C-alpha atoms as a PDB file:
ATOM      1  CA  UNK A   1      54.249  90.395  42.958  1.00  0.00           C
ATOM      2  CA  UNK A   2      57.304  89.042  41.197  1.00  0.00           C
ATOM      3  CA  UNK A   3      58.701  88.889  37.718  1.00  0.00           C
ATOM      4  CA  UNK A   4      56.705  88.233  34.604  1.00  0.00           C
ATOM      5  CA  UNK A   5      55.526  84.630  34.549  1.00  0.00           C
ATOM      6  CA  UNK A   6      56.709  84.008  38.080  1.00  0.00           C
ATOM      7  CA  UNK A   7      53.908  82.591  40.160  1.00  0.00           C
ATOM      8  CA  UNK A   8      51.478  82.033  37.272  1.00  0.00           C
ATOM      9  CA  UNK A   9      49.809  78.651  37.107  1.00  0.00           C
ATOM     10  CA  UNK A  10      51.765  77.874  33.940  1.00  0.00           C
ATOM     11  CA  UNK A  11      55.001  78.596  35.828  1.00  0.00           C
ATOM     12  CA  UNK A  12      53.837  76.312  38.678  1.00  0.00           C
ATOM     13  CA  UNK A  13      53.834  79.134  41.199  1.00  0.00           C
ATOM     14  CA  UNK A  14      51.057  79.796  43.666  1.00  0.00           C
ATOM     15  CA  UNK A  15      50.276  83.433  42.749  1.00  0.00           C
ATOM     16  CA  UNK A  16      49.601  84.957  39.320  1.00  0.00           C
ATOM     17  CA  UNK A  17      51.728  88.066  38.682  1.00  0.00           C
ATOM     18  CA  UNK A  18      48.894  89.856  36.854  1.00  0.00           C
ATOM     19  CA  UNK A  19      46.121  89.422  39.385  1.00  0.00           C
ATOM     20  CA  UNK A  20      47.908  88.502  42.572  1.00  0.00           C
ATOM     21  CA  UNK A  21      45.445  85.624  42.992  1.00  0.00           C
ATOM     22  CA  UNK A  22      46.191  81.981  43.570  1.00  0.00           C
ATOM     23  CA  UNK A  23      45.918  79.687  40.561  1.00  0.00           C
ATOM     24  CA  UNK A  24      42.422  78.709  39.438  1.00  0.00           C
ATOM     25  CA  UNK A  25      42.915  75.083  40.416  1.00  0.00           C
ATOM     26  CA  UNK A  26      43.242  76.238  44.039  1.00  0.00           C
ATOM     27  CA  UNK A  27      40.456  78.842  43.923  1.00  0.00           C
ATOM     28  CA  UNK A  28      37.807  76.653  42.306  1.00  0.00           C
ATOM     29  CA  UNK A  29      37.425  73.023  43.259  1.00  0.00           C
ATOM     30  CA  UNK A  30      36.488  70.695  40.433  1.00  0.00           C
ATOM     31  CA  UNK A  31      32.748  70.671  39.699  1.00  0.00           C
ATOM     32  CA  UNK A  32      32.951  66.907  39.329  1.00  0.00           C
ATOM     33  CA  UNK A  33      35.695  64.401  38.937  1.00  0.00           C
ATOM     34  CA  UNK A  34      36.800  63.390  35.470  1.00  0.00           C
ATOM     35  CA  UNK A  35      34.889  60.243  34.567  1.00  0.00           C
ATOM     36  CA  UNK A  36      36.368  56.840  35.062  1.00  0.00           C
ATOM     37  CA  UNK A  37      36.854  54.867  31.899  1.00  0.00           C
ATOM     38  CA  UNK A  38      33.763  52.756  31.457  1.00  0.00           C
ATOM     39  CA  UNK A  39      33.370  49.474  29.691  1.00  0.00           C
ATOM     40  CA  UNK A  40      30.223  50.419  27.821  1.00  0.00           C
ATOM     41  CA  UNK A  41      28.956  53.229  25.646  1.00  0.00           C
ATOM     42  CA  UNK A  42      27.504  56.489  26.882  1.00  0.00           C
ATOM     43  CA  UNK A  43      23.733  56.751  26.355  1.00  0.00           C
ATOM     44  CA  UNK A  44      22.657  60.123  24.949  1.00  0.00           C
ATOM     45  CA  UNK A  45      18.959  60.765  25.566  1.00  0.00           C
ATOM     46  CA  UNK A  46      17.453  63.379  23.257  1.00  0.00           C
ATOM     47  CA  UNK A  47      14.053  64.618  22.060  1.00  0.00           C
ATOM     48  CA  UNK A  48      13.508  62.609  18.902  1.00  0.00           C
ATOM     49  CA  UNK A  49      10.773  64.997  17.691  1.00  0.00           C
ATOM     50  CA  UNK A  50      13.031  68.091  17.833  1.00  0.00           C
ATOM     51  CA  UNK A  51      14.904  68.949  14.613  1.00  0.00           C
ATOM     52  CA  UNK A  52      17.660  70.828  16.468  1.00  0.00           C
ATOM     53  CA  UNK A  53      18.101  67.909  18.863  1.00  0.00           C
ATOM     54  CA  UNK A  54      18.371  65.419  15.989  1.00  0.00           C
ATOM     55  CA  UNK A  55      20.891  67.640  14.177  1.00  0.00           C
ATOM     56  CA  UNK A  56      22.944  67.987  17.377  1.00  0.00           C
ATOM     57  CA  UNK A  57      22.955  64.232  17.928  1.00  0.00           C
ATOM     58  CA  UNK A  58      24.046  63.681  14.313  1.00  0.00           C
ATOM     59  CA  UNK A  59      27.003  66.016  14.821  1.00  0.00           C
ATOM     60  CA  UNK A  60      27.933  64.369  18.130  1.00  0.00           C
ATOM     61  CA  UNK A  61      27.814  60.906  16.535  1.00  0.00           C
ATOM     62  CA  UNK A  62      30.075  62.103  13.694  1.00  0.00           C
ATOM     63  CA  UNK A  63      32.629  63.404  16.211  1.00  0.00           C
ATOM     64  CA  UNK A  64      32.487  60.405  18.561  1.00  0.00           C
ATOM     65  CA  UNK A  65      34.452  57.194  18.108  1.00  0.00           C
ATOM     66  CA  UNK A  66      32.296  54.387  16.667  1.00  0.00           C
ATOM     67  CA  UNK A  67      29.834  52.859  19.163  1.00  0.00           C
ATOM     68  CA  UNK A  68      31.042  55.068  22.047  1.00  0.00           C
ATOM     69  CA  UNK A  69      27.733  56.976  22.176  1.00  0.00           C
ATOM     70  CA  UNK A  70      24.309  55.406  21.725  1.00  0.00           C
ATOM     71  CA  UNK A  71      21.418  57.786  20.943  1.00  0.00           C
ATOM     72  CA  UNK A  72      18.176  57.048  22.795  1.00  0.00           C
ATOM     73  CA  UNK A  73      14.914  58.899  22.200  1.00  0.00           C
ATOM     74  CA  UNK A  74      13.459  60.457  25.351  1.00  0.00           C
ATOM     75  CA  UNK A  75      10.006  59.070  24.522  1.00  0.00           C
ATOM     76  CA  UNK A  76      11.262  55.471  24.250  1.00  0.00           C
ATOM     77  CA  UNK A  77      10.836  52.661  26.754  1.00  0.00           C
ATOM     78  CA  UNK A  78      14.629  52.475  27.125  1.00  0.00           C
ATOM     79  CA  UNK A  79      14.726  56.120  28.264  1.00  0.00           C
ATOM     80  CA  UNK A  80      12.048  55.366  30.851  1.00  0.00           C
ATOM     81  CA  UNK A  81      14.189  52.544  32.253  1.00  0.00           C
ATOM     82  CA  UNK A  82      17.404  54.609  32.175  1.00  0.00           C
ATOM     83  CA  UNK A  83      15.789  57.550  34.007  1.00  0.00           C
ATOM     84  CA  UNK A  84      12.958  55.931  35.993  1.00  0.00           C
ATOM     85  CA  UNK A  85      12.600  58.713  38.571  1.00  0.00           C
ATOM     86  CA  UNK A  86      11.524  61.359  36.023  1.00  0.00           C
ATOM     87  CA  UNK A  87       8.182  61.498  34.217  1.00  0.00           C
ATOM     88  CA  UNK A  88       8.163  62.138  30.470  1.00  0.00           C
ATOM     89  CA  UNK A  89       7.343  65.855  30.821  1.00  0.00           C
ATOM     90  CA  UNK A  90      10.391  66.392  33.030  1.00  0.00           C
ATOM     91  CA  UNK A  91      12.658  64.226  30.859  1.00  0.00           C
ATOM     92  CA  UNK A  92      11.765  66.271  27.758  1.00  0.00           C
ATOM     93  CA  UNK A  93      13.046  69.507  29.313  1.00  0.00           C
ATOM     94  CA  UNK A  94      16.719  68.651  28.680  1.00  0.00           C
ATOM     95  CA  UNK A  95      19.065  66.153  27.075  1.00  0.00           C
ATOM     96  CA  UNK A  96      20.512  63.468  29.346  1.00  0.00           C
ATOM     97  CA  UNK A  97      23.620  61.315  29.417  1.00  0.00           C
ATOM     98  CA  UNK A  98      23.759  58.008  31.240  1.00  0.00           C
ATOM     99  CA  UNK A  99      27.073  56.192  31.572  1.00  0.00           C
ATOM    100  CA  UNK A 100      27.530  52.426  31.518  1.00  0.00           C
ATOM    101  CA  UNK A 101      27.827  52.567  35.310  1.00  0.00           C
ATOM    102  CA  UNK A 102      24.428  54.281  35.596  1.00  0.00           C
ATOM    103  CA  UNK A 103      25.707  57.796  36.325  1.00  0.00           C
ATOM    104  CA  UNK A 104      23.020  60.240  35.124  1.00  0.00           C
ATOM    105  CA  UNK A 105      23.415  63.922  34.225  1.00  0.00           C
ATOM    106  CA  UNK A 106      21.106  66.250  32.333  1.00  0.00           C
ATOM    107  CA  UNK A 107      21.098  69.653  30.664  1.00  0.00           C
ATOM    108  CA  UNK A 108      24.171  71.831  31.186  1.00  0.00           C
ATOM    109  CA  UNK A 109      25.441  69.488  33.918  1.00  0.00           C
ATOM    110  CA  UNK A 110      25.777  66.767  31.265  1.00  0.00           C
ATOM    111  CA  UNK A 111      27.979  68.840  28.949  1.00  0.00           C
ATOM    112  CA  UNK A 112      31.358  67.991  30.566  1.00  0.00           C
ATOM    113  CA  UNK A 113      30.541  64.256  30.592  1.00  0.00           C
ATOM    114  CA  UNK A 114      29.428  64.355  26.962  1.00  0.00           C
ATOM    115  CA  UNK A 115      32.492  66.342  25.858  1.00  0.00           C
ATOM    116  CA  UNK A 116      34.761  63.811  27.598  1.00  0.00           C
ATOM    117  CA  UNK A 117      33.459  61.182  25.176  1.00  0.00           C
ATOM    118  CA  UNK A 118      34.497  63.228  22.120  1.00  0.00           C
ATOM    119  CA  UNK A 119      38.127  63.134  20.957  1.00  0.00           C
ATOM    120  CA  UNK A 120      39.897  66.439  21.455  1.00  0.00           C
ATOM    121  CA  UNK A 121      37.174  67.898  23.671  1.00  0.00           C
ATOM    122  CA  UNK A 122      38.512  66.811  27.077  1.00  0.00           C
ATOM    123  CA  UNK A 123      40.255  70.172  27.660  1.00  0.00           C
ATOM    124  CA  UNK A 124      36.914  71.918  27.104  1.00  0.00           C
ATOM    125  CA  UNK A 125      35.225  69.496  29.507  1.00  0.00           C
ATOM    126  CA  UNK A 126      37.939  70.172  32.092  1.00  0.00           C
ATOM    127  CA  UNK A 127      37.463  73.930  31.684  1.00  0.00           C
ATOM    128  CA  UNK A 128      33.722  73.555  32.266  1.00  0.00           C
ATOM    129  CA  UNK A 129      34.407  71.561  35.432  1.00  0.00           C
ATOM    130  CA  UNK A 130      37.003  73.949  36.845  1.00  0.00           C
ATOM    131  CA  UNK A 131      35.775  77.374  35.836  1.00  0.00           C
ATOM    132  CA  UNK A 132      32.440  78.652  37.122  1.00  0.00           C
ATOM    133  CA  UNK A 133      32.539  81.398  34.484  1.00  0.00           C
ATOM    134  CA  UNK A 134      32.995  78.897  31.638  1.00  0.00           C
ATOM    135  CA  UNK A 135      30.253  76.683  33.049  1.00  0.00           C
ATOM    136  CA  UNK A 136      27.823  79.591  33.438  1.00  0.00           C
ATOM    137  CA  UNK A 137      28.562  80.679  29.864  1.00  0.00           C
ATOM    138  CA  UNK A 138      27.949  77.180  28.524  1.00  0.00           C
ATOM    139  CA  UNK A 139      24.762  76.858  30.594  1.00  0.00           C
ATOM    140  CA  UNK A 140      23.471  80.213  29.322  1.00  0.00           C
ATOM    141  CA  UNK A 141      24.219  79.170  25.730  1.00  0.00           C
ATOM    142  CA  UNK A 142      22.429  75.863  26.276  1.00  0.00           C
ATOM    143  CA  UNK A 143      19.364  77.640  27.701  1.00  0.00           C
ATOM    144  CA  UNK A 144      19.303  80.105  24.779  1.00  0.00           C
ATOM    145  CA  UNK A 145      19.433  77.265  22.256  1.00  0.00           C
ATOM    146  CA  UNK A 146      16.658  75.336  24.018  1.00  0.00           C
ATOM    147  CA  UNK A 147      14.428  78.432  24.125  1.00  0.00           C
ATOM    148  CA  UNK A 148      15.016  79.184  20.435  1.00  0.00           C
ATOM    149  CA  UNK A 149      14.886  75.689  18.899  1.00  0.00           C
ATOM    150  CA  UNK A 150      12.075  76.655  16.530  1.00  0.00           C
ATOM    151  CA  UNK A 151      14.025  79.605  15.150  1.00  0.00           C
ATOM    152  CA  UNK A 152      17.243  77.606  14.801  1.00  0.00           C
ATOM    153  CA  UNK A 153      15.419  74.714  13.085  1.00  0.00           C
ATOM    154  CA  UNK A 154      14.436  77.005  10.204  1.00  0.00           C
ATOM    155  CA  UNK A 155      18.088  77.360   9.235  1.00  0.00           C
ATOM    156  CA  UNK A 156      18.998  73.661   9.405  1.00  0.00           C
ATOM    157  CA  UNK A 157      19.321  71.632   6.213  1.00  0.00           C
ATOM    158  CA  UNK A 158      16.539  69.051   6.057  1.00  0.00           C
ATOM    159  CA  UNK A 159      19.089  66.226   5.867  1.00  0.00           C
ATOM    160  CA  UNK A 160      20.413  67.172   9.317  1.00  0.00           C
ATOM    161  CA  UNK A 161      16.980  67.145  10.918  1.00  0.00           C
ATOM    162  CA  UNK A 162      15.717  63.824   9.573  1.00  0.00           C
ATOM    163  CA  UNK A 163      15.002  61.077  12.123  1.00  0.00           C
ATOM    164  CA  UNK A 164      17.938  59.093  13.461  1.00  0.00           C
ATOM    165  CA  UNK A 165      17.641  55.337  12.811  1.00  0.00           C
END
């Protein structure tokens, strides 16, 4: 196996001394490539009638650089043009992100792209892309939150859940 630290990914070796397995970058191919820098803002499509969704978008907008993310209600005409292949009922099942180049992701698959747009969150986005365990955990958390929006909304301050202009 080797000495402590020898062969671990942090030591640039091919085999981890603890597990005897090749580094994670070789075991798991990237889920998707890191996004190219785009010239326009990322469109964040959300359910404008959901208090938890509005509170989440408010938090995301506070964390994001100014005008880097544009919130778009899923029931709006703009959302219908951004995601023309999905009817309203299907669109409302998850949040969506659409890049300036037209790249579209939704639900848990959109999390890495959204986190890339937030300062300091790129390492988390990279972990979600590279680690199936991290991605499955994030996807399970997302599904739990979507199933329990009504319960979560009861604990939100009313100022967080007010409509977004």
